[in-house]
């Protein structure tokens, strides 16, 4: 059982590292090309893992295909275009904290669309997380949001949150009869195909040979550790200890990202970043625990 917890912790660290790898990659590779290469690597890795675990590729027909296409367009195509564009101007640590609000907005939209009960503690968590995100975006000065403090990069990163919410809400309805591993494999594969044409239009085939070794390392990291292995280990954790306890490890993602951004990229840990990170983590914790119906201890 301890091995499960260790893998979940590593998964959170892997996901935190995607912000550092992404920040490094956008200095050398265009957003469409970066997205395509990340998921091309991930598709190959997931296909091999799926063959080993599932033993076959289940057929997907009818309504499932439409659902998978929607998931690919929201969780792979849109999310990653916004992700890599945003990281051109937004520091890795700040981006990670903003995106860490994902569970909170998923809870909020699930309540609005599906009538899921949102307890008072969960509402408090929503407000706390949003206030933390605002603190990070505005660098501790909320008044700057109305005078240019919320730029194109921040809008792109916040767009990642909205695209992931759409991915999660759609997935709840259309993937109830597919295993998580199979659904992720097909979603990633469809998203990779959708990214191919714009990546070529961006100059992928011309620029490919000129990418640095560092860029290729970042692509390999994003595809294998940040996508394929991360998702597999996370869903193994859900199977072993349940979604609530597994979900708590997501709180380590912004922490690991901020620390790695400081160590690897030399980004500053400012008071506003520290306070905002703490608020977001606290809000996510309250929201998740309230939705699970567990008592806080």
C-alpha atoms as a PDB file:
ATOM      1  CA  UNK A   1       0.000   0.000   0.000  1.00  0.00           C
ATOM      2  CA  UNK A   2       2.875   2.382   0.738  1.00  0.00           C
ATOM      3  CA  UNK A   3       4.030   1.895  -2.857  1.00  0.00           C
ATOM      4  CA  UNK A   4       0.683   3.298  -4.054  1.00  0.00           C
ATOM      5  CA  UNK A   5       1.139   6.453  -1.977  1.00  0.00           C
ATOM      6  CA  UNK A   6       4.714   6.817  -3.205  1.00  0.00           C
ATOM      7  CA  UNK A   7       3.596   6.583  -6.853  1.00  0.00           C
ATOM      8  CA  UNK A   8       0.849   9.166  -6.259  1.00  0.00           C
ATOM      9  CA  UNK A   9       3.390  11.537  -4.734  1.00  0.00           C
ATOM     10  CA  UNK A  10       5.704  11.010  -7.714  1.00  0.00           C
ATOM     11  CA  UNK A  11       2.769  11.636 -10.051  1.00  0.00           C
ATOM     12  CA  UNK A  12       2.137  14.998  -8.393  1.00  0.00           C
ATOM     13  CA  UNK A  13       5.819  15.831  -8.793  1.00  0.00           C
ATOM     14  CA  UNK A  14       5.737  14.739 -12.455  1.00  0.00           C
ATOM     15  CA  UNK A  15       2.738  16.992 -13.084  1.00  0.00           C
ATOM     16  CA  UNK A  16       4.424  19.869 -11.301  1.00  0.00           C
ATOM     17  CA  UNK A  17       7.414  19.342 -13.551  1.00  0.00           C
ATOM     18  CA  UNK A  18       5.298  19.764 -16.686  1.00  0.00           C
ATOM     19  CA  UNK A  19       5.190  23.498 -16.029  1.00  0.00           C
ATOM     20  CA  UNK A  20       8.977  23.700 -15.899  1.00  0.00           C
ATOM     21  CA  UNK A  21       9.388  21.519 -18.999  1.00  0.00           C
ATOM     22  CA  UNK A  22       6.728  23.537 -20.808  1.00  0.00           C
ATOM     23  CA  UNK A  23       8.378  26.819 -19.898  1.00  0.00           C
ATOM     24  CA  UNK A  24      11.692  25.521 -21.250  1.00  0.00           C
ATOM     25  CA  UNK A  25      10.105  24.116 -24.412  1.00  0.00           C
ATOM     26  CA  UNK A  26       8.259  27.277 -25.507  1.00  0.00           C
ATOM     27  CA  UNK A  27      11.585  29.105 -25.819  1.00  0.00           C
ATOM     28  CA  UNK A  28      12.459  26.843 -28.765  1.00  0.00           C
ATOM     29  CA  UNK A  29       9.259  25.237 -30.088  1.00  0.00           C
ATOM     30  CA  UNK A  30       5.911  26.661 -31.235  1.00  0.00           C
ATOM     31  CA  UNK A  31       2.774  25.856 -29.213  1.00  0.00           C
ATOM     32  CA  UNK A  32       1.144  23.604 -31.838  1.00  0.00           C
ATOM     33  CA  UNK A  33       4.359  21.691 -32.470  1.00  0.00           C
ATOM     34  CA  UNK A  34       5.049  21.345 -28.749  1.00  0.00           C
ATOM     35  CA  UNK A  35       1.532  20.046 -28.138  1.00  0.00           C
ATOM     36  CA  UNK A  36       1.679  17.586 -31.031  1.00  0.00           C
ATOM     37  CA  UNK A  37       5.073  16.163 -30.079  1.00  0.00           C
ATOM     38  CA  UNK A  38       4.085  15.820 -26.426  1.00  0.00           C
ATOM     39  CA  UNK A  39       1.024  13.786 -27.275  1.00  0.00           C
ATOM     40  CA  UNK A  40       2.643  11.810 -30.061  1.00  0.00           C
ATOM     41  CA  UNK A  41       5.082  10.508 -27.448  1.00  0.00           C
ATOM     42  CA  UNK A  42       2.244   9.989 -24.974  1.00  0.00           C
ATOM     43  CA  UNK A  43       0.132   8.066 -27.513  1.00  0.00           C
ATOM     44  CA  UNK A  44       2.937   5.603 -28.227  1.00  0.00           C
ATOM     45  CA  UNK A  45       3.632   5.096 -24.522  1.00  0.00           C
ATOM     46  CA  UNK A  46      -0.050   4.706 -23.612  1.00  0.00           C
ATOM     47  CA  UNK A  47      -0.621   2.248 -26.459  1.00  0.00           C
ATOM     48  CA  UNK A  48       2.188   0.041 -25.165  1.00  0.00           C
ATOM     49  CA  UNK A  49       0.911   0.301 -21.590  1.00  0.00           C
ATOM     50  CA  UNK A  50      -2.661  -0.419 -22.688  1.00  0.00           C
ATOM     51  CA  UNK A  51      -1.561  -3.540 -24.583  1.00  0.00           C
ATOM     52  CA  UNK A  52       0.208  -4.787 -21.477  1.00  0.00           C
ATOM     53  CA  UNK A  53      -2.586  -4.029 -18.990  1.00  0.00           C
ATOM     54  CA  UNK A  54      -5.775  -4.428 -21.049  1.00  0.00           C
ATOM     55  CA  UNK A  55      -4.471  -7.048 -23.459  1.00  0.00           C
ATOM     56  CA  UNK A  56      -6.394  -5.509 -26.364  1.00  0.00           C
ATOM     57  CA  UNK A  57      -7.853  -2.297 -27.793  1.00  0.00           C
ATOM     58  CA  UNK A  58     -11.642  -2.259 -27.257  1.00  0.00           C
ATOM     59  CA  UNK A  59     -13.668  -1.078 -30.244  1.00  0.00           C
ATOM     60  CA  UNK A  60     -15.191   2.366 -29.931  1.00  0.00           C
ATOM     61  CA  UNK A  61     -18.329   3.064 -31.977  1.00  0.00           C
ATOM     62  CA  UNK A  62     -21.299   5.419 -32.209  1.00  0.00           C
ATOM     63  CA  UNK A  63     -21.833   7.864 -29.371  1.00  0.00           C
ATOM     64  CA  UNK A  64     -18.518   6.980 -27.780  1.00  0.00           C
ATOM     65  CA  UNK A  65     -16.577   8.375 -30.753  1.00  0.00           C
ATOM     66  CA  UNK A  66     -18.339  11.740 -30.568  1.00  0.00           C
ATOM     67  CA  UNK A  67     -17.665  11.899 -26.843  1.00  0.00           C
ATOM     68  CA  UNK A  68     -13.995  11.058 -27.271  1.00  0.00           C
ATOM     69  CA  UNK A  69     -13.634  13.740 -29.954  1.00  0.00           C
ATOM     70  CA  UNK A  70     -15.113  16.320 -27.575  1.00  0.00           C
ATOM     71  CA  UNK A  71     -12.724  15.206 -24.850  1.00  0.00           C
ATOM     72  CA  UNK A  72      -9.776  15.424 -27.238  1.00  0.00           C
ATOM     73  CA  UNK A  73     -10.731  18.926 -28.388  1.00  0.00           C
ATOM     74  CA  UNK A  74     -11.114  20.233 -24.832  1.00  0.00           C
ATOM     75  CA  UNK A  75      -8.617  18.307 -22.701  1.00  0.00           C
ATOM     76  CA  UNK A  76      -5.853  17.822 -25.274  1.00  0.00           C
ATOM     77  CA  UNK A  77      -6.149  20.303 -28.154  1.00  0.00           C
ATOM     78  CA  UNK A  78      -7.485  23.458 -26.471  1.00  0.00           C
ATOM     79  CA  UNK A  79      -5.836  22.867 -23.097  1.00  0.00           C
ATOM     80  CA  UNK A  80      -2.350  22.428 -24.507  1.00  0.00           C
ATOM     81  CA  UNK A  81      -2.493  25.247 -27.031  1.00  0.00           C
ATOM     82  CA  UNK A  82      -3.512  27.548 -24.191  1.00  0.00           C
ATOM     83  CA  UNK A  83      -0.928  25.955 -21.872  1.00  0.00           C
ATOM     84  CA  UNK A  84       2.090  26.468 -24.134  1.00  0.00           C
ATOM     85  CA  UNK A  85       0.976  29.924 -25.301  1.00  0.00           C
ATOM     86  CA  UNK A  86       0.446  31.029 -21.707  1.00  0.00           C
ATOM     87  CA  UNK A  87       3.845  29.772 -20.578  1.00  0.00           C
ATOM     88  CA  UNK A  88       5.528  32.103 -23.057  1.00  0.00           C
ATOM     89  CA  UNK A  89       4.863  35.012 -20.695  1.00  0.00           C
ATOM     90  CA  UNK A  90       3.684  33.512 -17.401  1.00  0.00           C
ATOM     91  CA  UNK A  91       6.190  31.999 -14.967  1.00  0.00           C
ATOM     92  CA  UNK A  92       5.898  28.253 -14.384  1.00  0.00           C
ATOM     93  CA  UNK A  93       5.132  28.610 -10.676  1.00  0.00           C
ATOM     94  CA  UNK A  94       2.361  31.155 -11.168  1.00  0.00           C
ATOM     95  CA  UNK A  95       0.811  29.101 -13.968  1.00  0.00           C
ATOM     96  CA  UNK A  96       0.791  25.975 -11.787  1.00  0.00           C
ATOM     97  CA  UNK A  97      -1.038  27.752  -8.975  1.00  0.00           C
ATOM     98  CA  UNK A  98      -3.699  29.138 -11.323  1.00  0.00           C
ATOM     99  CA  UNK A  99      -4.309  25.724 -12.896  1.00  0.00           C
ATOM    100  CA  UNK A 100      -4.419  24.150  -9.425  1.00  0.00           C
ATOM    101  CA  UNK A 101      -7.914  25.658  -9.169  1.00  0.00           C
ATOM    102  CA  UNK A 102      -9.184  22.963 -11.558  1.00  0.00           C
ATOM    103  CA  UNK A 103     -10.862  20.764  -8.896  1.00  0.00           C
ATOM    104  CA  UNK A 104     -12.667  23.760  -7.444  1.00  0.00           C
ATOM    105  CA  UNK A 105     -14.172  24.858 -10.749  1.00  0.00           C
ATOM    106  CA  UNK A 106     -15.062  21.262 -11.609  1.00  0.00           C
ATOM    107  CA  UNK A 107     -16.996  21.042  -8.338  1.00  0.00           C
ATOM    108  CA  UNK A 108     -18.713  24.349  -9.062  1.00  0.00           C
ATOM    109  CA  UNK A 109     -19.768  23.460 -12.612  1.00  0.00           C
ATOM    110  CA  UNK A 110     -20.830  19.957 -11.560  1.00  0.00           C
ATOM    111  CA  UNK A 111     -23.173  21.576  -9.066  1.00  0.00           C
ATOM    112  CA  UNK A 112     -24.542  23.971 -11.694  1.00  0.00           C
ATOM    113  CA  UNK A 113     -24.960  21.417 -14.499  1.00  0.00           C
ATOM    114  CA  UNK A 114     -25.685  18.157 -12.674  1.00  0.00           C
ATOM    115  CA  UNK A 115     -27.289  19.414  -9.501  1.00  0.00           C
ATOM    116  CA  UNK A 116     -24.577  17.987  -7.268  1.00  0.00           C
ATOM    117  CA  UNK A 117     -24.844  19.314  -3.764  1.00  0.00           C
ATOM    118  CA  UNK A 118     -22.267  21.939  -2.873  1.00  0.00           C
ATOM    119  CA  UNK A 119     -21.989  22.150   0.901  1.00  0.00           C
ATOM    120  CA  UNK A 120     -21.202  25.434   2.683  1.00  0.00           C
ATOM    121  CA  UNK A 121     -17.664  24.213   3.349  1.00  0.00           C
ATOM    122  CA  UNK A 122     -17.207  23.553  -0.373  1.00  0.00           C
ATOM    123  CA  UNK A 123     -18.467  27.036  -1.215  1.00  0.00           C
ATOM    124  CA  UNK A 124     -15.947  28.438   1.230  1.00  0.00           C
ATOM    125  CA  UNK A 125     -13.285  26.379  -0.532  1.00  0.00           C
ATOM    126  CA  UNK A 126     -14.314  27.837  -3.892  1.00  0.00           C
ATOM    127  CA  UNK A 127     -14.022  31.393  -2.581  1.00  0.00           C
ATOM    128  CA  UNK A 128     -10.681  30.724  -0.894  1.00  0.00           C
ATOM    129  CA  UNK A 129      -9.193  29.113  -4.012  1.00  0.00           C
ATOM    130  CA  UNK A 130     -10.400  31.881  -6.301  1.00  0.00           C
ATOM    131  CA  UNK A 131      -8.981  34.509  -3.952  1.00  0.00           C
ATOM    132  CA  UNK A 132      -5.667  32.633  -4.031  1.00  0.00           C
ATOM    133  CA  UNK A 133      -5.661  32.547  -7.827  1.00  0.00           C
ATOM    134  CA  UNK A 134      -6.445  36.270  -7.962  1.00  0.00           C
ATOM    135  CA  UNK A 135      -3.590  36.933  -5.539  1.00  0.00           C
ATOM    136  CA  UNK A 136      -1.168  35.053  -7.792  1.00  0.00           C
ATOM    137  CA  UNK A 137      -2.431  36.563 -11.042  1.00  0.00           C
ATOM    138  CA  UNK A 138      -2.340  40.119  -9.689  1.00  0.00           C
ATOM    139  CA  UNK A 139       0.928  39.550  -7.791  1.00  0.00           C
ATOM    140  CA  UNK A 140      -0.727  40.572  -4.540  1.00  0.00           C
ATOM    141  CA  UNK A 141      -2.307  43.742  -5.940  1.00  0.00           C
ATOM    142  CA  UNK A 142      -5.884  42.950  -7.110  1.00  0.00           C
ATOM    143  CA  UNK A 143      -6.391  46.498  -8.366  1.00  0.00           C
ATOM    144  CA  UNK A 144      -3.912  45.712 -11.154  1.00  0.00           C
ATOM    145  CA  UNK A 145      -6.451  43.341 -12.714  1.00  0.00           C
ATOM    146  CA  UNK A 146      -8.293  46.388 -14.011  1.00  0.00           C
ATOM    147  CA  UNK A 147      -5.185  48.178 -15.267  1.00  0.00           C
ATOM    148  CA  UNK A 148      -3.380  45.612 -17.386  1.00  0.00           C
ATOM    149  CA  UNK A 149      -2.298  43.179 -14.677  1.00  0.00           C
ATOM    150  CA  UNK A 150      -4.361  40.409 -16.275  1.00  0.00           C
ATOM    151  CA  UNK A 151      -2.560  39.973 -19.560  1.00  0.00           C
ATOM    152  CA  UNK A 152      -2.835  37.623 -22.539  1.00  0.00           C
ATOM    153  CA  UNK A 153      -0.659  35.004 -20.877  1.00  0.00           C
ATOM    154  CA  UNK A 154      -2.742  34.915 -17.714  1.00  0.00           C
ATOM    155  CA  UNK A 155      -5.902  34.692 -19.822  1.00  0.00           C
ATOM    156  CA  UNK A 156      -4.436  31.709 -21.663  1.00  0.00           C
ATOM    157  CA  UNK A 157      -3.558  29.911 -18.422  1.00  0.00           C
ATOM    158  CA  UNK A 158      -7.009  30.583 -16.982  1.00  0.00           C
ATOM    159  CA  UNK A 159      -8.404  29.251 -20.262  1.00  0.00           C
ATOM    160  CA  UNK A 160      -6.630  25.970 -19.399  1.00  0.00           C
ATOM    161  CA  UNK A 161      -8.801  25.777 -16.290  1.00  0.00           C
ATOM    162  CA  UNK A 162     -11.996  26.250 -18.312  1.00  0.00           C
ATOM    163  CA  UNK A 163     -10.974  23.706 -20.956  1.00  0.00           C
ATOM    164  CA  UNK A 164     -10.162  21.126 -18.267  1.00  0.00           C
ATOM    165  CA  UNK A 165     -13.499  21.774 -16.580  1.00  0.00           C
ATOM    166  CA  UNK A 166     -15.223  21.099 -19.911  1.00  0.00           C
ATOM    167  CA  UNK A 167     -13.133  17.945 -20.353  1.00  0.00           C
ATOM    168  CA  UNK A 168     -14.065  16.705 -16.873  1.00  0.00           C
ATOM    169  CA  UNK A 169     -17.767  17.534 -17.125  1.00  0.00           C
ATOM    170  CA  UNK A 170     -18.079  15.915 -20.579  1.00  0.00           C
ATOM    171  CA  UNK A 171     -16.097  12.889 -19.463  1.00  0.00           C
ATOM    172  CA  UNK A 172     -18.442  12.235 -16.589  1.00  0.00           C
ATOM    173  CA  UNK A 173     -21.300  11.660 -19.039  1.00  0.00           C
ATOM    174  CA  UNK A 174     -19.724   9.971 -22.047  1.00  0.00           C
ATOM    175  CA  UNK A 175     -17.061   7.682 -20.570  1.00  0.00           C
ATOM    176  CA  UNK A 176     -19.001   5.766 -17.965  1.00  0.00           C
ATOM    177  CA  UNK A 177     -18.659   2.525 -19.975  1.00  0.00           C
ATOM    178  CA  UNK A 178     -14.923   2.766 -20.801  1.00  0.00           C
ATOM    179  CA  UNK A 179     -11.977   2.093 -18.519  1.00  0.00           C
ATOM    180  CA  UNK A 180      -9.930   5.207 -17.643  1.00  0.00           C
ATOM    181  CA  UNK A 181      -6.834   3.883 -19.417  1.00  0.00           C
ATOM    182  CA  UNK A 182      -8.674   3.115 -22.663  1.00  0.00           C
ATOM    183  CA  UNK A 183     -10.513   6.445 -22.631  1.00  0.00           C
ATOM    184  CA  UNK A 184      -7.284   8.375 -22.029  1.00  0.00           C
ATOM    185  CA  UNK A 185      -5.498   6.463 -24.813  1.00  0.00           C
ATOM    186  CA  UNK A 186      -8.187   7.198 -27.413  1.00  0.00           C
ATOM    187  CA  UNK A 187      -8.585  10.782 -26.255  1.00  0.00           C
ATOM    188  CA  UNK A 188      -4.851  11.440 -26.494  1.00  0.00           C
ATOM    189  CA  UNK A 189      -4.618   9.722 -29.896  1.00  0.00           C
ATOM    190  CA  UNK A 190      -7.500  11.777 -31.340  1.00  0.00           C
ATOM    191  CA  UNK A 191      -6.050  14.964 -29.878  1.00  0.00           C
ATOM    192  CA  UNK A 192      -2.666  14.172 -31.418  1.00  0.00           C
ATOM    193  CA  UNK A 193      -4.247  13.796 -34.867  1.00  0.00           C
ATOM    194  CA  UNK A 194      -6.118  17.086 -34.400  1.00  0.00           C
ATOM    195  CA  UNK A 195      -2.840  18.832 -33.565  1.00  0.00           C
ATOM    196  CA  UNK A 196      -0.927  17.451 -36.562  1.00  0.00           C
ATOM    197  CA  UNK A 197      -2.210  19.839 -39.258  1.00  0.00           C
ATOM    198  CA  UNK A 198      -1.725  23.087 -37.277  1.00  0.00           C
ATOM    199  CA  UNK A 199       1.689  21.823 -36.122  1.00  0.00           C
ATOM    200  CA  UNK A 200       2.753  21.294 -39.742  1.00  0.00           C
ATOM    201  CA  UNK A 201       1.348  24.717 -40.636  1.00  0.00           C
ATOM    202  CA  UNK A 202       3.460  26.172 -37.835  1.00  0.00           C
ATOM    203  CA  UNK A 203       6.603  24.727 -39.423  1.00  0.00           C
ATOM    204  CA  UNK A 204       7.046  21.450 -37.535  1.00  0.00           C
ATOM    205  CA  UNK A 205       8.601  19.538 -40.446  1.00  0.00           C
ATOM    206  CA  UNK A 206      11.023  22.351 -41.215  1.00  0.00           C
ATOM    207  CA  UNK A 207      12.023  23.112 -37.621  1.00  0.00           C
ATOM    208  CA  UNK A 208      12.155  19.534 -36.327  1.00  0.00           C
ATOM    209  CA  UNK A 209      15.839  18.933 -37.044  1.00  0.00           C
ATOM    210  CA  UNK A 210      16.840  22.183 -35.391  1.00  0.00           C
ATOM    211  CA  UNK A 211      15.400  21.498 -31.939  1.00  0.00           C
ATOM    212  CA  UNK A 212      17.950  21.458 -29.157  1.00  0.00           C
ATOM    213  CA  UNK A 213      18.717  18.433 -26.984  1.00  0.00           C
ATOM    214  CA  UNK A 214      17.081  20.277 -24.086  1.00  0.00           C
ATOM    215  CA  UNK A 215      13.854  20.662 -26.068  1.00  0.00           C
ATOM    216  CA  UNK A 216      13.803  16.954 -26.920  1.00  0.00           C
ATOM    217  CA  UNK A 217      14.326  16.106 -23.258  1.00  0.00           C
ATOM    218  CA  UNK A 218      11.405  18.368 -22.352  1.00  0.00           C
ATOM    219  CA  UNK A 219       9.206  16.714 -25.010  1.00  0.00           C
ATOM    220  CA  UNK A 220      10.127  13.233 -23.740  1.00  0.00           C
ATOM    221  CA  UNK A 221       9.420  14.281 -20.159  1.00  0.00           C
ATOM    222  CA  UNK A 222       6.047  15.806 -21.024  1.00  0.00           C
ATOM    223  CA  UNK A 223       4.989  12.819 -23.113  1.00  0.00           C
ATOM    224  CA  UNK A 224       6.120   9.994 -20.846  1.00  0.00           C
ATOM    225  CA  UNK A 225       6.297  11.241 -17.247  1.00  0.00           C
ATOM    226  CA  UNK A 226       3.884  14.160 -17.478  1.00  0.00           C
ATOM    227  CA  UNK A 227       1.192  12.352 -19.478  1.00  0.00           C
ATOM    228  CA  UNK A 228       1.426   8.582 -19.936  1.00  0.00           C
ATOM    229  CA  UNK A 229       2.991   7.410 -16.675  1.00  0.00           C
ATOM    230  CA  UNK A 230       1.333  10.157 -14.648  1.00  0.00           C
ATOM    231  CA  UNK A 231      -2.193   9.218 -15.752  1.00  0.00           C
ATOM    232  CA  UNK A 232      -1.598   5.474 -15.350  1.00  0.00           C
ATOM    233  CA  UNK A 233      -0.223   5.814 -11.830  1.00  0.00           C
ATOM    234  CA  UNK A 234      -2.959   8.244 -10.841  1.00  0.00           C
ATOM    235  CA  UNK A 235      -5.734   5.902 -11.966  1.00  0.00           C
ATOM    236  CA  UNK A 236      -3.977   2.984 -10.279  1.00  0.00           C
ATOM    237  CA  UNK A 237      -4.092   5.038  -7.107  1.00  0.00           C
ATOM    238  CA  UNK A 238      -7.813   5.695  -7.553  1.00  0.00           C
ATOM    239  CA  UNK A 239      -8.388   1.970  -7.959  1.00  0.00           C
ATOM    240  CA  UNK A 240      -6.332   1.111  -4.868  1.00  0.00           C
ATOM    241  CA  UNK A 241      -7.326   3.792  -2.329  1.00  0.00           C
ATOM    242  CA  UNK A 242     -10.259   5.628  -3.949  1.00  0.00           C
ATOM    243  CA  UNK A 243     -10.668   9.005  -5.688  1.00  0.00           C
ATOM    244  CA  UNK A 244     -10.864  11.120  -2.537  1.00  0.00           C
ATOM    245  CA  UNK A 245      -7.535  10.119  -1.011  1.00  0.00           C
ATOM    246  CA  UNK A 246      -5.873   9.989  -4.434  1.00  0.00           C
ATOM    247  CA  UNK A 247      -7.194  13.451  -5.264  1.00  0.00           C
ATOM    248  CA  UNK A 248      -5.493  14.933  -2.222  1.00  0.00           C
ATOM    249  CA  UNK A 249      -2.122  14.360  -3.860  1.00  0.00           C
ATOM    250  CA  UNK A 250      -3.054  16.930  -6.530  1.00  0.00           C
ATOM    251  CA  UNK A 251      -2.395  19.525  -3.835  1.00  0.00           C
ATOM    252  CA  UNK A 252       1.301  18.725  -4.180  1.00  0.00           C
ATOM    253  CA  UNK A 253       1.334  19.762  -7.859  1.00  0.00           C
ATOM    254  CA  UNK A 254       1.574  23.556  -7.366  1.00  0.00           C
ATOM    255  CA  UNK A 255       3.976  23.088  -4.454  1.00  0.00           C
ATOM    256  CA  UNK A 256       6.348  20.942  -6.504  1.00  0.00           C
ATOM    257  CA  UNK A 257       6.024  23.288  -9.478  1.00  0.00           C
ATOM    258  CA  UNK A 258       6.855  26.390  -7.431  1.00  0.00           C
ATOM    259  CA  UNK A 259       9.842  24.680  -5.793  1.00  0.00           C
ATOM    260  CA  UNK A 260      11.194  23.295  -9.091  1.00  0.00           C
ATOM    261  CA  UNK A 261      10.667  26.634 -10.831  1.00  0.00           C
ATOM    262  CA  UNK A 262      12.738  28.244  -8.080  1.00  0.00           C
ATOM    263  CA  UNK A 263      15.518  25.629  -8.247  1.00  0.00           C
ATOM    264  CA  UNK A 264      15.654  24.983 -12.011  1.00  0.00           C
ATOM    265  CA  UNK A 265      14.455  28.208 -13.598  1.00  0.00           C
ATOM    266  CA  UNK A 266      15.481  30.662 -10.914  1.00  0.00           C
ATOM    267  CA  UNK A 267      11.950  32.038 -10.492  1.00  0.00           C
ATOM    268  CA  UNK A 268      11.335  34.033  -7.336  1.00  0.00           C
ATOM    269  CA  UNK A 269       9.033  32.819  -4.567  1.00  0.00           C
ATOM    270  CA  UNK A 270       7.368  36.131  -3.812  1.00  0.00           C
ATOM    271  CA  UNK A 271       5.057  36.746  -0.837  1.00  0.00           C
ATOM    272  CA  UNK A 272       2.033  36.927  -3.165  1.00  0.00           C
ATOM    273  CA  UNK A 273       2.980  33.591  -4.757  1.00  0.00           C
ATOM    274  CA  UNK A 274       3.411  31.966  -1.347  1.00  0.00           C
ATOM    275  CA  UNK A 275       0.118  33.330  -0.015  1.00  0.00           C
ATOM    276  CA  UNK A 276      -1.770  32.524  -3.217  1.00  0.00           C
ATOM    277  CA  UNK A 277      -0.428  28.967  -3.300  1.00  0.00           C
ATOM    278  CA  UNK A 278      -1.469  28.416   0.310  1.00  0.00           C
ATOM    279  CA  UNK A 279      -4.978  29.750  -0.337  1.00  0.00           C
ATOM    280  CA  UNK A 280      -5.483  27.626  -3.461  1.00  0.00           C
ATOM    281  CA  UNK A 281      -4.328  24.444  -1.725  1.00  0.00           C
ATOM    282  CA  UNK A 282      -6.522  25.166   1.284  1.00  0.00           C
ATOM    283  CA  UNK A 283      -9.538  25.839  -0.959  1.00  0.00           C
ATOM    284  CA  UNK A 284      -9.039  22.665  -2.983  1.00  0.00           C
ATOM    285  CA  UNK A 285      -8.694  20.650   0.228  1.00  0.00           C
ATOM    286  CA  UNK A 286     -11.932  22.032   1.673  1.00  0.00           C
ATOM    287  CA  UNK A 287     -13.846  21.558  -1.576  1.00  0.00           C
ATOM    288  CA  UNK A 288     -12.734  17.958  -2.093  1.00  0.00           C
ATOM    289  CA  UNK A 289     -13.388  16.903   1.479  1.00  0.00           C
ATOM    290  CA  UNK A 290     -16.759  18.555   1.601  1.00  0.00           C
ATOM    291  CA  UNK A 291     -17.863  16.850  -1.609  1.00  0.00           C
ATOM    292  CA  UNK A 292     -16.704  13.470  -0.349  1.00  0.00           C
ATOM    293  CA  UNK A 293     -18.744  13.880   2.812  1.00  0.00           C
ATOM    294  CA  UNK A 294     -15.766  13.044   4.989  1.00  0.00           C
ATOM    295  CA  UNK A 295     -15.259  14.736   8.286  1.00  0.00           C
ATOM    296  CA  UNK A 296     -12.308  17.058   8.571  1.00  0.00           C
ATOM    297  CA  UNK A 297      -9.981  16.059  11.399  1.00  0.00           C
END
